[in-house]
């Protein structure tokens, strides 16, 4: 399949999932944190969509990422249904929930660089 088409589908899947999380999901666990879709990777045959999420605490609350990701796993069916309704693809990909640790990694690097900078 054309790479541009796949990139467009990935972008639209991310948009649909973000919109669904904001408007349709009423789960209290997901409202205790900022859950954002960082990126989506779709296989060429459109059977699977790997959705990478980042979870950040809201108002400094201490949250368990495992609970948030378990909740996301539970609503995979709803997410797939919304993708099907909005995109109208011939085959709707199965959503696979993934953790995106790039933000945490970037924060650790920034902290280390600030410590080194403070030592000079």
N, C-alpha and C. Protein backbone atom coordinates (compact mmCIF):
# COMPACT_ATOMS: atom_id res chain seq x y z
N UNK A 1 0.84 -1.17 0.00
CA UNK A 1 0.00 0.00 0.00
C UNK A 1 0.89 1.24 0.00
N UNK A 2 0.41 2.30 -0.55
CA UNK A 2 1.11 3.56 -0.67
C UNK A 2 1.47 4.11 0.72
N UNK A 3 2.71 4.55 0.88
CA UNK A 3 3.17 5.06 2.18
C UNK A 3 2.42 6.32 2.60
N UNK A 4 2.07 7.15 1.64
CA UNK A 4 1.31 8.36 1.96
C UNK A 4 -0.08 8.01 2.47
N UNK A 5 -0.69 7.01 1.88
CA UNK A 5 -2.01 6.59 2.32
C UNK A 5 -1.94 6.02 3.73
N UNK A 6 -0.94 5.21 4.01
CA UNK A 6 -0.78 4.65 5.35
C UNK A 6 -0.55 5.77 6.36
N UNK A 7 0.29 6.76 6.01
CA UNK A 7 0.55 7.88 6.91
C UNK A 7 -0.75 8.65 7.19
N UNK A 8 -1.58 8.83 6.17
CA UNK A 8 -2.86 9.51 6.35
C UNK A 8 -3.80 8.73 7.25
N UNK A 9 -3.83 7.41 7.06
CA UNK A 9 -4.67 6.55 7.90
C UNK A 9 -4.19 6.60 9.35
N UNK A 10 -2.86 6.56 9.55
CA UNK A 10 -2.31 6.63 10.91
C UNK A 10 -2.71 7.94 11.59
N UNK A 11 -2.62 9.03 10.85
CA UNK A 11 -2.98 10.34 11.40
C UNK A 11 -4.47 10.38 11.77
N UNK A 12 -5.30 9.86 10.91
CA UNK A 12 -6.74 9.87 11.17
C UNK A 12 -7.12 8.96 12.34
N UNK A 13 -6.47 7.82 12.45
CA UNK A 13 -6.73 6.92 13.58
C UNK A 13 -6.35 7.62 14.89
N UNK A 14 -5.23 8.31 14.91
CA UNK A 14 -4.82 9.06 16.09
C UNK A 14 -5.83 10.14 16.45
N UNK A 15 -6.36 10.82 15.44
CA UNK A 15 -7.36 11.86 15.66
C UNK A 15 -8.63 11.27 16.25
N UNK A 16 -9.10 10.16 15.68
CA UNK A 16 -10.33 9.52 16.14
C UNK A 16 -10.17 9.04 17.58
N UNK A 17 -9.05 8.42 17.88
CA UNK A 17 -8.84 7.90 19.24
C UNK A 17 -8.76 9.04 20.25
N UNK A 18 -8.05 10.10 19.90
CA UNK A 18 -7.96 11.25 20.81
C UNK A 18 -9.33 11.85 21.07
N UNK A 19 -10.09 12.01 20.02
CA UNK A 19 -11.45 12.57 20.15
C UNK A 19 -12.33 11.66 21.00
N UNK A 20 -12.21 10.37 20.80
CA UNK A 20 -13.01 9.41 21.56
C UNK A 20 -12.64 9.46 23.04
N UNK A 21 -11.35 9.54 23.35
CA UNK A 21 -10.92 9.62 24.74
C UNK A 21 -11.45 10.88 25.42
N UNK A 22 -11.50 11.99 24.69
CA UNK A 22 -11.97 13.24 25.27
C UNK A 22 -13.49 13.28 25.44
N UNK A 23 -14.22 12.80 24.45
CA UNK A 23 -15.66 13.01 24.43
C UNK A 23 -16.50 11.82 24.85
N UNK A 24 -16.08 10.62 24.51
CA UNK A 24 -16.96 9.46 24.67
C UNK A 24 -16.64 8.59 25.88
N UNK A 25 -15.40 8.58 26.32
CA UNK A 25 -15.01 7.70 27.41
C UNK A 25 -15.28 8.42 28.74
N UNK A 26 -16.04 7.77 29.59
CA UNK A 26 -16.42 8.37 30.88
C UNK A 26 -15.71 7.71 32.05
N UNK A 27 -14.72 6.90 31.79
CA UNK A 27 -14.01 6.17 32.85
C UNK A 27 -13.25 7.14 33.75
N UNK A 28 -13.44 7.01 35.04
CA UNK A 28 -12.82 7.90 36.02
C UNK A 28 -11.30 7.79 35.98
N UNK A 29 -10.77 6.58 35.80
CA UNK A 29 -9.31 6.37 35.78
C UNK A 29 -8.65 7.22 34.70
N UNK A 30 -9.30 7.30 33.52
CA UNK A 30 -8.70 8.05 32.41
C UNK A 30 -8.83 9.55 32.61
N UNK A 31 -9.74 9.97 33.47
CA UNK A 31 -9.91 11.41 33.72
C UNK A 31 -8.96 11.92 34.80
N UNK A 32 -8.26 11.01 35.50
CA UNK A 32 -7.32 11.40 36.54
C UNK A 32 -5.94 11.73 35.98
N UNK A 33 -5.77 11.57 34.68
CA UNK A 33 -4.46 11.81 34.07
C UNK A 33 -4.66 12.38 32.67
N UNK A 34 -3.59 12.89 32.13
CA UNK A 34 -3.60 13.32 30.74
C UNK A 34 -3.11 12.14 29.92
N UNK A 35 -4.00 11.57 29.13
CA UNK A 35 -3.67 10.44 28.29
C UNK A 35 -3.64 10.95 26.85
N UNK A 36 -2.48 10.88 26.23
CA UNK A 36 -2.37 11.41 24.87
C UNK A 36 -1.83 10.35 23.92
N UNK A 37 -2.29 10.44 22.70
CA UNK A 37 -1.82 9.56 21.63
C UNK A 37 -0.59 10.22 21.03
N UNK A 38 0.57 9.58 21.17
CA UNK A 38 1.80 10.15 20.60
C UNK A 38 1.94 9.84 19.12
N UNK A 39 1.77 8.59 18.78
CA UNK A 39 1.78 8.24 17.36
C UNK A 39 1.11 6.89 17.16
N UNK A 40 0.80 6.63 15.90
CA UNK A 40 0.12 5.40 15.50
C UNK A 40 0.93 4.77 14.38
N UNK A 41 1.11 3.48 14.45
CA UNK A 41 1.76 2.72 13.38
C UNK A 41 0.79 1.65 12.90
N UNK A 42 0.50 1.66 11.62
CA UNK A 42 -0.42 0.70 11.02
C UNK A 42 0.38 -0.25 10.15
N UNK A 43 0.06 -1.54 10.23
CA UNK A 43 0.73 -2.50 9.36
C UNK A 43 0.25 -2.27 7.92
N UNK A 44 1.05 -2.71 6.96
CA UNK A 44 0.72 -2.46 5.55
C UNK A 44 -0.58 -3.11 5.12
N UNK A 45 -0.93 -4.23 5.75
CA UNK A 45 -2.18 -4.89 5.39
C UNK A 45 -3.38 -4.35 6.18
N UNK A 46 -3.15 -3.35 7.00
CA UNK A 46 -4.18 -2.68 7.82
C UNK A 46 -4.87 -3.62 8.81
N UNK A 47 -4.18 -4.67 9.22
CA UNK A 47 -4.78 -5.58 10.20
C UNK A 47 -4.58 -5.08 11.63
N UNK A 48 -3.49 -4.38 11.88
CA UNK A 48 -3.17 -3.93 13.23
C UNK A 48 -2.79 -2.45 13.22
N UNK A 49 -3.18 -1.77 14.29
CA UNK A 49 -2.77 -0.39 14.52
C UNK A 49 -2.15 -0.34 15.91
N UNK A 50 -0.85 -0.11 15.97
CA UNK A 50 -0.16 0.06 17.24
C UNK A 50 -0.29 1.52 17.65
N UNK A 51 -0.98 1.76 18.75
CA UNK A 51 -1.23 3.12 19.23
C UNK A 51 -0.36 3.35 20.46
N UNK A 52 0.53 4.34 20.38
CA UNK A 52 1.47 4.64 21.45
C UNK A 52 0.92 5.80 22.30
N UNK A 53 0.71 5.52 23.58
CA UNK A 53 0.15 6.49 24.50
C UNK A 53 1.20 6.98 25.49
N UNK A 54 1.04 8.23 25.91
CA UNK A 54 1.80 8.79 27.01
C UNK A 54 0.82 9.20 28.09
N UNK A 55 1.15 8.88 29.33
CA UNK A 55 0.30 9.22 30.46
C UNK A 55 1.06 10.17 31.37
N UNK A 56 0.45 11.32 31.64
CA UNK A 56 1.05 12.31 32.53
C UNK A 56 0.06 12.59 33.65
N UNK A 57 0.54 12.71 34.89
CA UNK A 57 -0.37 12.98 36.01
C UNK A 57 -1.04 14.34 35.86
N UNK A 58 -2.26 14.41 36.33
CA UNK A 58 -3.03 15.65 36.29
C UNK A 58 -3.02 16.27 37.68
N UNK A 59 -2.66 17.53 37.77
CA UNK A 59 -2.62 18.28 39.03
C UNK A 59 -1.68 17.65 40.06
N UNK A 60 -0.61 17.05 39.60
CA UNK A 60 0.39 16.49 40.50
C UNK A 60 -0.03 15.23 41.24
N UNK A 61 -1.14 14.63 40.83
CA UNK A 61 -1.59 13.40 41.49
C UNK A 61 -0.66 12.25 41.13
N UNK A 62 -0.53 11.32 42.04
CA UNK A 62 0.27 10.13 41.79
C UNK A 62 -0.65 9.07 41.17
N UNK A 63 -0.33 8.63 39.97
CA UNK A 63 -1.17 7.66 39.29
C UNK A 63 -0.36 6.42 38.92
N UNK A 64 -1.06 5.33 38.77
CA UNK A 64 -0.44 4.08 38.33
C UNK A 64 -0.66 3.92 36.84
N UNK A 65 0.42 3.91 36.08
CA UNK A 65 0.30 3.72 34.63
C UNK A 65 -0.32 2.38 34.28
N UNK A 66 -0.07 1.37 35.12
CA UNK A 66 -0.61 0.05 34.81
C UNK A 66 -2.13 0.06 34.84
N UNK A 67 -2.72 0.83 35.76
CA UNK A 67 -4.18 0.94 35.82
C UNK A 67 -4.72 1.65 34.58
N UNK A 68 -4.03 2.71 34.17
CA UNK A 68 -4.46 3.47 32.99
C UNK A 68 -4.39 2.58 31.76
N UNK A 69 -3.29 1.85 31.60
CA UNK A 69 -3.15 1.01 30.42
C UNK A 69 -4.10 -0.19 30.45
N UNK A 70 -4.41 -0.68 31.63
CA UNK A 70 -5.42 -1.74 31.74
C UNK A 70 -6.79 -1.22 31.30
N UNK A 71 -7.09 0.01 31.67
CA UNK A 71 -8.35 0.64 31.25
C UNK A 71 -8.37 0.82 29.74
N UNK A 72 -7.26 1.26 29.18
CA UNK A 72 -7.17 1.42 27.72
C UNK A 72 -7.35 0.07 27.02
N UNK A 73 -6.78 -0.98 27.59
CA UNK A 73 -6.97 -2.32 27.02
C UNK A 73 -8.45 -2.71 27.02
N UNK A 74 -9.16 -2.30 28.07
CA UNK A 74 -10.57 -2.65 28.19
C UNK A 74 -11.46 -1.93 27.18
N UNK A 75 -11.03 -0.77 26.70
CA UNK A 75 -11.86 -0.02 25.76
C UNK A 75 -11.38 -0.14 24.31
N UNK A 76 -10.52 -1.11 24.04
CA UNK A 76 -10.02 -1.30 22.67
C UNK A 76 -11.16 -1.52 21.68
N UNK A 77 -12.18 -2.24 22.11
CA UNK A 77 -13.33 -2.51 21.24
C UNK A 77 -14.05 -1.23 20.85
N UNK A 78 -14.25 -0.34 21.83
CA UNK A 78 -14.89 0.95 21.57
C UNK A 78 -14.05 1.76 20.60
N UNK A 79 -12.73 1.78 20.80
CA UNK A 79 -11.85 2.54 19.92
C UNK A 79 -11.93 2.02 18.49
N UNK A 80 -11.93 0.71 18.35
CA UNK A 80 -12.01 0.11 17.01
C UNK A 80 -13.35 0.44 16.36
N UNK A 81 -14.41 0.41 17.15
CA UNK A 81 -15.74 0.74 16.62
C UNK A 81 -15.78 2.19 16.12
N UNK A 82 -15.22 3.11 16.89
CA UNK A 82 -15.21 4.52 16.49
C UNK A 82 -14.36 4.73 15.24
N UNK A 83 -13.24 4.01 15.14
CA UNK A 83 -12.40 4.10 13.93
C UNK A 83 -13.20 3.62 12.73
N UNK A 84 -13.92 2.53 12.89
CA UNK A 84 -14.73 1.97 11.82
C UNK A 84 -15.81 2.95 11.37
N UNK A 85 -16.49 3.55 12.34
CA UNK A 85 -17.57 4.48 12.03
C UNK A 85 -17.08 5.73 11.31
N UNK A 86 -15.95 6.26 11.75
CA UNK A 86 -15.49 7.54 11.21
C UNK A 86 -14.66 7.43 9.94
N UNK A 87 -13.91 6.35 9.80
CA UNK A 87 -13.01 6.26 8.65
C UNK A 87 -13.59 5.46 7.49
N UNK A 88 -14.47 4.54 7.78
CA UNK A 88 -15.09 3.77 6.71
C UNK A 88 -14.11 2.96 5.88
N UNK A 89 -13.11 2.39 6.52
CA UNK A 89 -12.15 1.54 5.81
C UNK A 89 -12.78 0.19 5.51
N UNK A 90 -12.29 -0.48 4.50
CA UNK A 90 -12.79 -1.82 4.19
C UNK A 90 -12.56 -2.77 5.35
N UNK A 91 -11.35 -2.72 5.91
CA UNK A 91 -11.01 -3.51 7.09
C UNK A 91 -10.56 -2.55 8.18
N UNK A 92 -11.15 -2.67 9.33
CA UNK A 92 -10.75 -1.82 10.46
C UNK A 92 -9.65 -2.54 11.23
N UNK A 93 -8.52 -1.87 11.41
CA UNK A 93 -7.41 -2.54 12.11
C UNK A 93 -7.72 -2.79 13.58
N UNK A 94 -7.15 -3.87 14.09
CA UNK A 94 -7.24 -4.18 15.52
C UNK A 94 -6.29 -3.24 16.26
N UNK A 95 -6.79 -2.62 17.30
CA UNK A 95 -6.00 -1.66 18.07
C UNK A 95 -5.15 -2.39 19.09
N UNK A 96 -3.85 -2.09 19.07
CA UNK A 96 -2.94 -2.63 20.07
C UNK A 96 -2.37 -1.46 20.86
N UNK A 97 -2.55 -1.52 22.18
CA UNK A 97 -2.13 -0.44 23.08
C UNK A 97 -0.66 -0.60 23.42
N UNK A 98 0.11 0.47 23.24
CA UNK A 98 1.54 0.47 23.52
C UNK A 98 1.90 1.67 24.39
N UNK A 99 2.96 1.52 25.17
CA UNK A 99 3.45 2.60 26.01
C UNK A 99 4.53 3.37 25.27
N UNK A 100 4.41 4.69 25.27
CA UNK A 100 5.45 5.52 24.67
C UNK A 100 6.23 6.17 25.80
N UNK A 101 7.44 5.74 26.00
CA UNK A 101 8.28 6.24 27.08
C UNK A 101 9.19 7.38 26.65
N UNK A 102 9.00 7.91 25.45
CA UNK A 102 9.92 8.93 24.95
C UNK A 102 9.87 10.20 25.79
N UNK A 103 8.69 10.58 26.31
CA UNK A 103 8.60 11.78 27.13
C UNK A 103 9.35 11.58 28.45
N UNK A 104 9.15 10.42 29.09
CA UNK A 104 9.88 10.12 30.33
C UNK A 104 11.39 10.11 30.08
N UNK A 105 11.78 9.52 28.98
CA UNK A 105 13.19 9.45 28.62
C UNK A 105 13.76 10.85 28.42
N UNK A 106 13.02 11.71 27.73
CA UNK A 106 13.47 13.08 27.49
C UNK A 106 13.59 13.85 28.80
N UNK A 107 12.64 13.62 29.72
CA UNK A 107 12.69 14.31 31.01
C UNK A 107 13.91 13.87 31.82
N UNK A 108 14.25 12.58 31.77
CA UNK A 108 15.43 12.08 32.48
C UNK A 108 16.70 12.69 31.91
N UNK A 109 16.77 12.77 30.60
CA UNK A 109 17.96 13.35 29.95
C UNK A 109 18.08 14.82 30.33
N UNK A 110 16.97 15.55 30.32
CA UNK A 110 16.98 16.96 30.69
C UNK A 110 17.44 17.14 32.13
N UNK A 111 16.97 16.28 33.01
CA UNK A 111 17.37 16.35 34.42
C UNK A 111 18.88 16.11 34.56
N UNK A 112 19.39 15.10 33.86
CA UNK A 112 20.83 14.82 33.91
C UNK A 112 21.65 15.98 33.36
N UNK A 113 21.19 16.56 32.26
CA UNK A 113 21.92 17.70 31.69
C UNK A 113 21.90 18.90 32.63
N UNK A 114 20.78 19.11 33.30
CA UNK A 114 20.72 20.22 34.26
C UNK A 114 21.65 19.98 35.45
N UNK A 115 21.76 18.71 35.88
CA UNK A 115 22.68 18.39 36.98
C UNK A 115 24.12 18.64 36.55
N UNK A 116 24.45 18.24 35.35
CA UNK A 116 25.82 18.46 34.84
C UNK A 116 26.08 19.96 34.70
N UNK A 117 25.10 20.68 34.21
CA UNK A 117 25.24 22.12 34.04
C UNK A 117 25.46 22.82 35.39
N UNK A 118 24.76 22.32 36.42
CA UNK A 118 24.92 22.88 37.76
C UNK A 118 26.29 22.62 38.37
N UNK A 119 26.95 21.58 37.92
CA UNK A 119 28.28 21.24 38.45
C UNK A 119 29.36 22.11 37.83
N UNK A 120 29.11 22.71 36.71
CA UNK A 120 30.15 23.52 36.05
C UNK A 120 30.21 24.85 36.67
